Amino acid sequence: MSAVATKAFFQILLLFFFCVGASAEVRPGEKMRDHSLVSQDGQPVKVSDFQGKPLVLSFVYSQCSHTCGTLTETLKAAFEGQGLARKLRSLTVGFDHLNDSPEAMKEYGLKFVDSFEGWTFASGDARTIGSLTADAGFFFRRTESGFDHPNIALVIGPDGRLFKRLHSGAIENGELAKALEDSLDPGHEGYGARPDGLLGLLSYICYTYDEETGTYKLDFTFLMVVALGIIVQASLVGFFYYIRYSVRKRQGQGK
């Protein structure tokens, strides 16, 4: 294999590792698939049921003791403080399919709202949650203490098309109100914005939550594992071609 081919091989390999998770991510301007969930009251609900007004979609797990509550409280403050509650609908989905039952999501929701008018807290089975989170570009991983995951909210337009993904900091800075207003314009350029799939994926999986500071920091352990994996694979490929070269060389000398 030539040097150019070898370089191309490794580039494709790296792109595959980092992009495979982002390939299913819905891009701005594309419609979210119509996933079937169960509301906090045990009633079936679909993503399409929320069309007609902008929808704010977020993800939590009911047993979370840190960032989930922070995100939900931030959304609540934005809805109330910026006068958004009557202009939108909100859907918070529990992504821990083993524990986020309708009852658990109802208990979680009642920590933040007095009634569920305009704000649904839903759950789903493993397949549905896996598909929905992939569409949303929401990545999480189980840890000993729960899950590592980003704090994000998706703004979905009245017609069901994804408009924008917002991190919690952007929500606090008032960008949610602007995104919701802009999403009302079906021809807004935001519906054609370039997707942040790869960069979003890298930020999600390369950061971990720090309970002491309440912020996300680079997960150097994870980065080291990734780097080690790349080195090991590169070494194996190199060793393979070394053996192949040595065998060919001996065969050539034996002629």
C-alpha atoms as a PDB file:
ATOM      1  CA  MET A   1       0.000   0.000   0.000  1.00  0.00           C
ATOM      2  CA  SER A   2       1.379   3.383  -0.985  1.00  0.00           C
ATOM      3  CA  ALA A   3       1.914   6.246   1.448  1.00  0.00           C
ATOM      4  CA  VAL A   4      -0.990   8.161  -0.087  1.00  0.00           C
ATOM      5  CA  ALA A   5      -3.313   5.180   0.222  1.00  0.00           C
ATOM      6  CA  THR A   6      -2.228   4.576   3.812  1.00  0.00           C
ATOM      7  CA  LYS A   7      -2.895   8.202   4.719  1.00  0.00           C
ATOM      8  CA  ALA A   8      -6.306   8.075   3.076  1.00  0.00           C
ATOM      9  CA  PHE A   9      -7.107   4.860   4.942  1.00  0.00           C
ATOM     10  CA  PHE A  10      -6.409   6.439   8.311  1.00  0.00           C
ATOM     11  CA  GLN A  11      -8.372   9.569   7.430  1.00  0.00           C
ATOM     12  CA  ILE A  12     -11.391   7.483   6.496  1.00  0.00           C
ATOM     13  CA  LEU A  13     -10.970   5.412   9.655  1.00  0.00           C
ATOM     14  CA  LEU A  14     -10.952   8.483  11.884  1.00  0.00           C
ATOM     15  CA  LEU A  15     -13.875  10.058  10.078  1.00  0.00           C
ATOM     16  CA  PHE A  16     -15.824   6.846  10.520  1.00  0.00           C
ATOM     17  CA  PHE A  17     -15.183   6.695  14.264  1.00  0.00           C
ATOM     18  CA  PHE A  18     -16.174  10.306  14.863  1.00  0.00           C
ATOM     19  CA  CYS A  19     -19.006  10.660  12.357  1.00  0.00           C
ATOM     20  CA  VAL A  20     -20.888   7.398  12.742  1.00  0.00           C
ATOM     21  CA  GLY A  21     -22.747   8.743  15.764  1.00  0.00           C
ATOM     22  CA  ALA A  22     -23.610  11.977  14.001  1.00  0.00           C
ATOM     23  CA  SER A  23     -24.855  10.442  10.765  1.00  0.00           C
ATOM     24  CA  ALA A  24     -28.403   9.995  12.072  1.00  0.00           C
ATOM     25  CA  GLU A  25     -28.599  13.483  13.547  1.00  0.00           C
ATOM     26  CA  VAL A  26     -31.418  15.603  12.166  1.00  0.00           C
ATOM     27  CA  ARG A  27     -30.121  18.755  10.508  1.00  0.00           C
ATOM     28  CA  PRO A  28     -31.660  22.215  10.857  1.00  0.00           C
ATOM     29  CA  GLY A  29     -34.517  22.453   8.390  1.00  0.00           C
ATOM     30  CA  GLU A  30     -35.276  18.721   8.502  1.00  0.00           C
ATOM     31  CA  LYS A  31     -38.343  17.289  10.201  1.00  0.00           C
ATOM     32  CA  MET A  32     -38.010  15.306  13.388  1.00  0.00           C
ATOM     33  CA  ARG A  33     -39.314  11.772  13.047  1.00  0.00           C
ATOM     34  CA  ASP A  34     -42.646  11.108  14.734  1.00  0.00           C
ATOM     35  CA  HIS A  35     -41.593   9.091  17.779  1.00  0.00           C
ATOM     36  CA  SER A  36     -44.245   7.626  20.085  1.00  0.00           C
ATOM     37  CA  LEU A  37     -43.795   8.337  23.792  1.00  0.00           C
ATOM     38  CA  VAL A  38     -45.821   8.074  26.997  1.00  0.00           C
ATOM     39  CA  SER A  39     -46.735  11.194  28.974  1.00  0.00           C
ATOM     40  CA  GLN A  40     -46.409  11.641  32.733  1.00  0.00           C
ATOM     41  CA  ASP A  41     -50.099  10.710  32.957  1.00  0.00           C
ATOM     42  CA  GLY A  42     -49.601   7.440  31.094  1.00  0.00           C
ATOM     43  CA  GLN A  43     -51.159   8.710  27.871  1.00  0.00           C
ATOM     44  CA  PRO A  44     -49.621   8.038  24.436  1.00  0.00           C
ATOM     45  CA  VAL A  45     -48.078  11.110  22.864  1.00  0.00           C
ATOM     46  CA  LYS A  46     -46.196  11.728  19.625  1.00  0.00           C
ATOM     47  CA  VAL A  47     -43.749  14.431  18.640  1.00  0.00           C
ATOM     48  CA  SER A  48     -46.196  15.522  15.943  1.00  0.00           C
ATOM     49  CA  ASP A  49     -48.814  16.257  18.619  1.00  0.00           C
ATOM     50  CA  PHE A  50     -46.862  19.376  19.523  1.00  0.00           C
ATOM     51  CA  GLN A  51     -46.988  20.978  16.089  1.00  0.00           C
ATOM     52  CA  GLY A  52     -48.716  24.329  15.741  1.00  0.00           C
ATOM     53  CA  LYS A  53     -46.429  26.171  18.136  1.00  0.00           C
ATOM     54  CA  PRO A  54     -42.647  26.152  18.566  1.00  0.00           C
ATOM     55  CA  LEU A  55     -41.523  23.188  20.664  1.00  0.00           C
ATOM     56  CA  VAL A  56     -38.647  23.139  23.135  1.00  0.00           C
ATOM     57  CA  LEU A  57     -37.336  19.576  23.436  1.00  0.00           C
ATOM     58  CA  SER A  58     -34.977  18.630  26.266  1.00  0.00           C
ATOM     59  CA  PHE A  59     -33.633  15.430  27.821  1.00  0.00           C
ATOM     60  CA  VAL A  60     -33.144  14.447  31.471  1.00  0.00           C
ATOM     61  CA  TYR A  61     -33.152  11.334  33.609  1.00  0.00           C
ATOM     62  CA  SER A  62     -35.409  11.291  36.641  1.00  0.00           C
ATOM     63  CA  GLN A  63     -32.774  10.134  39.138  1.00  0.00           C
ATOM     64  CA  CYS A  64     -30.329  12.876  38.132  1.00  0.00           C
ATOM     65  CA  SER A  65     -29.107  14.921  41.089  1.00  0.00           C
ATOM     66  CA  HIS A  66     -27.231  17.691  39.305  1.00  0.00           C
ATOM     67  CA  THR A  67     -27.366  18.998  35.724  1.00  0.00           C
ATOM     68  CA  CYS A  68     -30.840  17.797  34.748  1.00  0.00           C
ATOM     69  CA  GLY A  69     -32.508  19.897  37.403  1.00  0.00           C
ATOM     70  CA  THR A  70     -30.314  22.832  36.451  1.00  0.00           C
ATOM     71  CA  LEU A  71     -31.416  22.593  32.824  1.00  0.00           C
ATOM     72  CA  THR A  72     -35.107  22.238  33.680  1.00  0.00           C
ATOM     73  CA  GLU A  73     -34.938  25.146  36.117  1.00  0.00           C
ATOM     74  CA  THR A  74     -33.151  27.246  33.493  1.00  0.00           C
ATOM     75  CA  LEU A  75     -35.873  26.481  30.967  1.00  0.00           C
ATOM     76  CA  LYS A  76     -38.582  27.290  33.504  1.00  0.00           C
ATOM     77  CA  ALA A  77     -36.950  30.629  34.310  1.00  0.00           C
ATOM     78  CA  ALA A  78     -36.667  31.437  30.610  1.00  0.00           C
ATOM     79  CA  PHE A  79     -40.297  30.518  29.956  1.00  0.00           C
ATOM     80  CA  GLU A  80     -41.565  32.629  32.850  1.00  0.00           C
ATOM     81  CA  GLY A  81     -39.078  35.496  32.846  1.00  0.00           C
ATOM     82  CA  GLN A  82     -39.205  36.112  29.113  1.00  0.00           C
ATOM     83  CA  GLY A  83     -42.956  35.630  28.810  1.00  0.00           C
ATOM     84  CA  LEU A  84     -42.616  32.581  26.597  1.00  0.00           C
ATOM     85  CA  ALA A  85     -44.898  30.104  28.346  1.00  0.00           C
ATOM     86  CA  ARG A  86     -47.970  30.830  26.194  1.00  0.00           C
ATOM     87  CA  LYS A  87     -45.992  31.060  22.962  1.00  0.00           C
ATOM     88  CA  LEU A  88     -44.533  27.557  22.995  1.00  0.00           C
ATOM     89  CA  ARG A  89     -44.863  23.964  24.053  1.00  0.00           C
ATOM     90  CA  SER A  90     -42.230  22.087  25.982  1.00  0.00           C
ATOM     91  CA  LEU A  91     -41.394  18.386  25.945  1.00  0.00           C
ATOM     92  CA  THR A  92     -38.903  16.937  28.415  1.00  0.00           C
ATOM     93  CA  VAL A  93     -38.014  13.301  27.753  1.00  0.00           C
ATOM     94  CA  GLY A  94     -36.452  10.893  30.238  1.00  0.00           C
ATOM     95  CA  PHE A  95     -33.656   9.025  28.459  1.00  0.00           C
ATOM     96  CA  ASP A  96     -33.079   6.375  31.169  1.00  0.00           C
ATOM     97  CA  HIS A  97     -35.565   3.841  29.836  1.00  0.00           C
ATOM     98  CA  LEU A  98     -34.957   1.486  32.766  1.00  0.00           C
ATOM     99  CA  ASN A  99     -36.059   3.958  35.434  1.00  0.00           C
ATOM    100  CA  ASP A 100     -37.868   6.837  33.744  1.00  0.00           C
ATOM    101  CA  SER A 101     -41.409   5.497  33.969  1.00  0.00           C
ATOM    102  CA  PRO A 102     -44.402   7.820  33.531  1.00  0.00           C
ATOM    103  CA  GLU A 103     -44.711   7.912  37.323  1.00  0.00           C
ATOM    104  CA  ALA A 104     -41.049   8.849  37.737  1.00  0.00           C
ATOM    105  CA  MET A 105     -41.300  11.579  35.110  1.00  0.00           C
ATOM    106  CA  LYS A 106     -44.435  12.957  36.776  1.00  0.00           C
ATOM    107  CA  GLU A 107     -42.644  13.114  40.106  1.00  0.00           C
ATOM    108  CA  TYR A 108     -39.698  14.825  38.425  1.00  0.00           C
ATOM    109  CA  GLY A 109     -41.926  17.318  36.619  1.00  0.00           C
ATOM    110  CA  LEU A 110     -43.845  18.303  39.749  1.00  0.00           C
ATOM    111  CA  LYS A 111     -40.606  19.632  41.194  1.00  0.00           C
ATOM    112  CA  PHE A 112     -40.779  22.418  38.619  1.00  0.00           C
ATOM    113  CA  VAL A 113     -44.408  22.908  37.551  1.00  0.00           C
ATOM    114  CA  ASP A 114     -47.784  22.963  39.283  1.00  0.00           C
ATOM    115  CA  SER A 115     -49.602  21.615  36.229  1.00  0.00           C
ATOM    116  CA  PHE A 116     -48.574  19.977  32.985  1.00  0.00           C
ATOM    117  CA  GLU A 117     -50.444  22.367  30.722  1.00  0.00           C
ATOM    118  CA  GLY A 118     -48.029  23.248  27.950  1.00  0.00           C
ATOM    119  CA  TRP A 119     -45.176  21.178  29.391  1.00  0.00           C
ATOM    120  CA  THR A 120     -45.110  17.401  28.989  1.00  0.00           C
ATOM    121  CA  PHE A 121     -42.665  15.091  30.761  1.00  0.00           C
ATOM    122  CA  ALA A 122     -42.486  11.864  28.781  1.00  0.00           C
ATOM    123  CA  SER A 123     -40.755   8.498  28.700  1.00  0.00           C
ATOM    124  CA  GLY A 124     -40.265   5.728  26.167  1.00  0.00           C
ATOM    125  CA  ASP A 125     -38.848   2.279  25.567  1.00  0.00           C
ATOM    126  CA  ALA A 126     -35.190   1.647  24.767  1.00  0.00           C
ATOM    127  CA  ARG A 127     -35.656   1.608  21.010  1.00  0.00           C
ATOM    128  CA  THR A 128     -37.664   4.825  20.928  1.00  0.00           C
ATOM    129  CA  ILE A 129     -35.278   6.664  23.233  1.00  0.00           C
ATOM    130  CA  GLY A 130     -32.292   5.497  21.212  1.00  0.00           C
ATOM    131  CA  SER A 131     -33.862   6.676  17.976  1.00  0.00           C
ATOM    132  CA  LEU A 132     -35.102   9.996  19.352  1.00  0.00           C
ATOM    133  CA  THR A 133     -31.819  10.926  21.020  1.00  0.00           C
ATOM    134  CA  ALA A 134     -29.930  10.036  17.842  1.00  0.00           C
ATOM    135  CA  ASP A 135     -32.220  12.289  15.815  1.00  0.00           C
ATOM    136  CA  ALA A 136     -31.784  15.054  18.363  1.00  0.00           C
ATOM    137  CA  GLY A 137     -27.997  14.770  18.398  1.00  0.00           C
ATOM    138  CA  PHE A 138     -28.116  14.068  22.136  1.00  0.00           C
ATOM    139  CA  PHE A 139     -25.410  11.688  23.300  1.00  0.00           C
ATOM    140  CA  PHE A 140     -25.094  10.174  26.765  1.00  0.00           C
ATOM    141  CA  ARG A 141     -23.107   7.466  28.487  1.00  0.00           C
ATOM    142  CA  ARG A 142     -23.751   5.577  31.687  1.00  0.00           C
ATOM    143  CA  THR A 143     -21.324   6.058  34.578  1.00  0.00           C
ATOM    144  CA  GLU A 144     -21.060   4.676  38.097  1.00  0.00           C
ATOM    145  CA  SER A 145     -22.950   7.670  39.457  1.00  0.00           C
ATOM    146  CA  GLY A 146     -25.541   7.963  36.689  1.00  0.00           C
ATOM    147  CA  PHE A 147     -24.948   9.420  33.234  1.00  0.00           C
ATOM    148  CA  ASP A 148     -22.666  11.886  31.556  1.00  0.00           C
ATOM    149  CA  HIS A 149     -24.621  14.027  29.121  1.00  0.00           C
ATOM    150  CA  PRO A 150     -24.805  17.580  27.783  1.00  0.00           C
ATOM    151  CA  ASN A 151     -27.366  20.151  28.818  1.00  0.00           C
ATOM    152  CA  ILE A 152     -29.072  21.110  25.575  1.00  0.00           C
ATOM    153  CA  ALA A 153     -32.499  22.091  24.328  1.00  0.00           C
ATOM    154  CA  LEU A 154     -33.781  21.840  20.781  1.00  0.00           C
ATOM    155  CA  VAL A 155     -36.040  24.458  19.254  1.00  0.00           C
ATOM    156  CA  ILE A 156     -38.416  22.822  16.776  1.00  0.00           C
ATOM    157  CA  GLY A 157     -40.564  25.009  14.551  1.00  0.00           C
ATOM    158  CA  PRO A 158     -44.386  24.916  14.418  1.00  0.00           C
ATOM    159  CA  ASP A 159     -44.219  22.673  11.338  1.00  0.00           C
ATOM    160  CA  GLY A 160     -42.002  20.082  13.055  1.00  0.00           C
ATOM    161  CA  ARG A 161     -38.698  21.096  11.483  1.00  0.00           C
ATOM    162  CA  LEU A 162     -35.604  21.417  13.657  1.00  0.00           C
ATOM    163  CA  PHE A 163     -34.542  25.040  13.984  1.00  0.00           C
ATOM    164  CA  LYS A 164     -31.691  25.169  16.487  1.00  0.00           C
ATOM    165  CA  ARG A 165     -29.822  23.386  19.263  1.00  0.00           C
ATOM    166  CA  LEU A 166     -29.008  25.459  22.324  1.00  0.00           C
ATOM    167  CA  HIS A 167     -26.653  24.692  25.200  1.00  0.00           C
ATOM    168  CA  SER A 168     -27.688  25.772  28.695  1.00  0.00           C
ATOM    169  CA  GLY A 169     -25.433  28.831  28.616  1.00  0.00           C
ATOM    170  CA  ALA A 170     -27.178  30.109  25.513  1.00  0.00           C
ATOM    171  CA  ILE A 171     -30.564  29.586  27.159  1.00  0.00           C
ATOM    172  CA  GLU A 172     -29.484  31.676  30.138  1.00  0.00           C
ATOM    173  CA  ASN A 173     -28.244  34.435  27.826  1.00  0.00           C
ATOM    174  CA  GLY A 174     -31.642  34.899  26.233  1.00  0.00           C
ATOM    175  CA  GLU A 175     -30.964  33.121  22.959  1.00  0.00           C
ATOM    176  CA  LEU A 176     -33.943  30.834  23.503  1.00  0.00           C
ATOM    177  CA  ALA A 177     -36.439  33.673  23.098  1.00  0.00           C
ATOM    178  CA  LYS A 178     -34.797  34.804  19.869  1.00  0.00           C
ATOM    179  CA  ALA A 179     -34.656  31.264  18.491  1.00  0.00           C
ATOM    180  CA  LEU A 180     -38.337  30.718  19.257  1.00  0.00           C
ATOM    181  CA  GLU A 181     -39.288  33.986  17.578  1.00  0.00           C
ATOM    182  CA  ASP A 182     -37.129  33.250  14.539  1.00  0.00           C
ATOM    183  CA  SER A 183     -38.553  29.732  14.239  1.00  0.00           C
ATOM    184  CA  LEU A 184     -41.974  31.235  13.490  1.00  0.00           C
ATOM    185  CA  ASP A 185     -40.634  32.371  10.120  1.00  0.00           C
ATOM    186  CA  PRO A 186     -40.728  29.248   7.885  1.00  0.00           C
ATOM    187  CA  GLY A 187     -38.239  30.856   5.513  1.00  0.00           C
ATOM    188  CA  HIS A 188     -35.718  31.877   8.158  1.00  0.00           C
ATOM    189  CA  GLU A 189     -32.098  31.130   7.292  1.00  0.00           C
ATOM    190  CA  GLY A 190     -31.776  29.173  10.538  1.00  0.00           C
ATOM    191  CA  TYR A 191     -33.705  26.329   8.944  1.00  0.00           C
ATOM    192  CA  GLY A 192     -30.869  25.968   6.487  1.00  0.00           C
ATOM    193  CA  ALA A 193     -28.008  26.437   8.934  1.00  0.00           C
ATOM    194  CA  ARG A 194     -25.019  24.171   8.602  1.00  0.00           C
ATOM    195  CA  PRO A 195     -25.320  21.265  11.037  1.00  0.00           C
ATOM    196  CA  ASP A 196     -23.005  21.153  14.012  1.00  0.00           C
ATOM    197  CA  GLY A 197     -23.058  17.359  14.038  1.00  0.00           C
ATOM    198  CA  LEU A 198     -19.380  16.458  14.266  1.00  0.00           C
ATOM    199  CA  LEU A 199     -18.404  19.376  16.469  1.00  0.00           C
ATOM    200  CA  GLY A 200     -21.463  18.787  18.602  1.00  0.00           C
ATOM    201  CA  LEU A 201     -20.672  15.106  18.910  1.00  0.00           C
ATOM    202  CA  LEU A 202     -17.082  15.807  19.921  1.00  0.00           C
ATOM    203  CA  SER A 203     -18.139  18.337  22.543  1.00  0.00           C
ATOM    204  CA  TYR A 204     -20.720  15.924  23.974  1.00  0.00           C
ATOM    205  CA  ILE A 205     -18.446  12.929  24.314  1.00  0.00           C
ATOM    206  CA  CYS A 206     -15.226  14.753  25.222  1.00  0.00           C
ATOM    207  CA  TYR A 207     -16.632  16.628  28.218  1.00  0.00           C
ATOM    208  CA  THR A 208     -17.702  15.328  31.625  1.00  0.00           C
ATOM    209  CA  TYR A 209     -19.641  16.927  34.453  1.00  0.00           C
ATOM    210  CA  ASP A 210     -17.707  18.284  37.455  1.00  0.00           C
ATOM    211  CA  GLU A 211     -19.982  18.150  40.506  1.00  0.00           C
ATOM    212  CA  GLU A 212     -17.768  20.508  42.523  1.00  0.00           C
ATOM    213  CA  THR A 213     -17.907  23.367  40.039  1.00  0.00           C
ATOM    214  CA  GLY A 214     -21.219  22.503  38.377  1.00  0.00           C
ATOM    215  CA  THR A 215     -19.652  22.770  34.942  1.00  0.00           C
ATOM    216  CA  TYR A 216     -18.430  20.497  32.153  1.00  0.00           C
ATOM    217  CA  LYS A 217     -14.716  19.952  31.741  1.00  0.00           C
ATOM    218  CA  LEU A 218     -12.616  18.067  29.240  1.00  0.00           C
ATOM    219  CA  ASP A 219     -12.656  14.369  30.047  1.00  0.00           C
ATOM    220  CA  PHE A 220      -8.943  13.677  29.712  1.00  0.00           C
ATOM    221  CA  THR A 221      -9.396  10.026  30.661  1.00  0.00           C
ATOM    222  CA  PHE A 222     -11.761   9.524  27.750  1.00  0.00           C
ATOM    223  CA  LEU A 223      -9.470  11.451  25.408  1.00  0.00           C
ATOM    224  CA  MET A 224      -6.543   9.267  26.491  1.00  0.00           C
ATOM    225  CA  VAL A 225      -8.574   6.133  25.792  1.00  0.00           C
ATOM    226  CA  VAL A 226      -9.431   7.439  22.321  1.00  0.00           C
ATOM    227  CA  ALA A 227      -5.800   8.347  21.661  1.00  0.00           C
ATOM    228  CA  LEU A 228      -4.627   4.962  22.924  1.00  0.00           C
ATOM    229  CA  GLY A 229      -7.155   3.201  20.713  1.00  0.00           C
ATOM    230  CA  ILE A 230      -5.921   5.090  17.665  1.00  0.00           C
ATOM    231  CA  ILE A 231      -2.299   4.309  18.532  1.00  0.00           C
ATOM    232  CA  VAL A 232      -3.049   0.615  19.056  1.00  0.00           C
ATOM    233  CA  GLN A 233      -4.920   0.349  15.768  1.00  0.00           C
ATOM    234  CA  ALA A 234      -2.199   2.223  13.925  1.00  0.00           C
ATOM    235  CA  SER A 235       0.409  -0.078  15.484  1.00  0.00           C
ATOM    236  CA  LEU A 236      -1.518  -3.186  14.461  1.00  0.00           C
ATOM    237  CA  VAL A 237      -1.843  -1.954  10.885  1.00  0.00           C
ATOM    238  CA  GLY A 238       1.835  -1.037  10.840  1.00  0.00           C
ATOM    239  CA  PHE A 239       2.814  -4.433  12.252  1.00  0.00           C
ATOM    240  CA  PHE A 240       0.668  -6.192   9.654  1.00  0.00           C
ATOM    241  CA  TYR A 241       2.361  -4.381   6.796  1.00  0.00           C
ATOM    242  CA  TYR A 242       5.797  -4.963   8.352  1.00  0.00           C
ATOM    243  CA  ILE A 243       5.157  -8.715   8.464  1.00  0.00           C
ATOM    244  CA  ARG A 244       3.816  -8.624   4.934  1.00  0.00           C
ATOM    245  CA  TYR A 245       6.855  -6.690   3.727  1.00  0.00           C
ATOM    246  CA  SER A 246       9.243  -9.066   5.530  1.00  0.00           C
ATOM    247  CA  VAL A 247       7.585 -12.143   4.010  1.00  0.00           C
ATOM    248  CA  ARG A 248       7.742 -10.665   0.523  1.00  0.00           C
ATOM    249  CA  LYS A 249      11.367  -9.696   1.036  1.00  0.00           C
ATOM    250  CA  ARG A 250      12.331 -13.224   2.124  1.00  0.00           C
ATOM    251  CA  GLN A 251      10.413 -14.703  -0.780  1.00  0.00           C
ATOM    252  CA  GLY A 252      12.288 -12.392  -3.134  1.00  0.00           C
ATOM    253  CA  GLN A 253      15.633 -13.393  -1.684  1.00  0.00           C
ATOM    254  CA  GLY A 254      14.769 -17.083  -2.022  1.00  0.00           C
ATOM    255  CA  LYS A 255      14.263 -16.825  -5.771  1.00  0.00           C
END
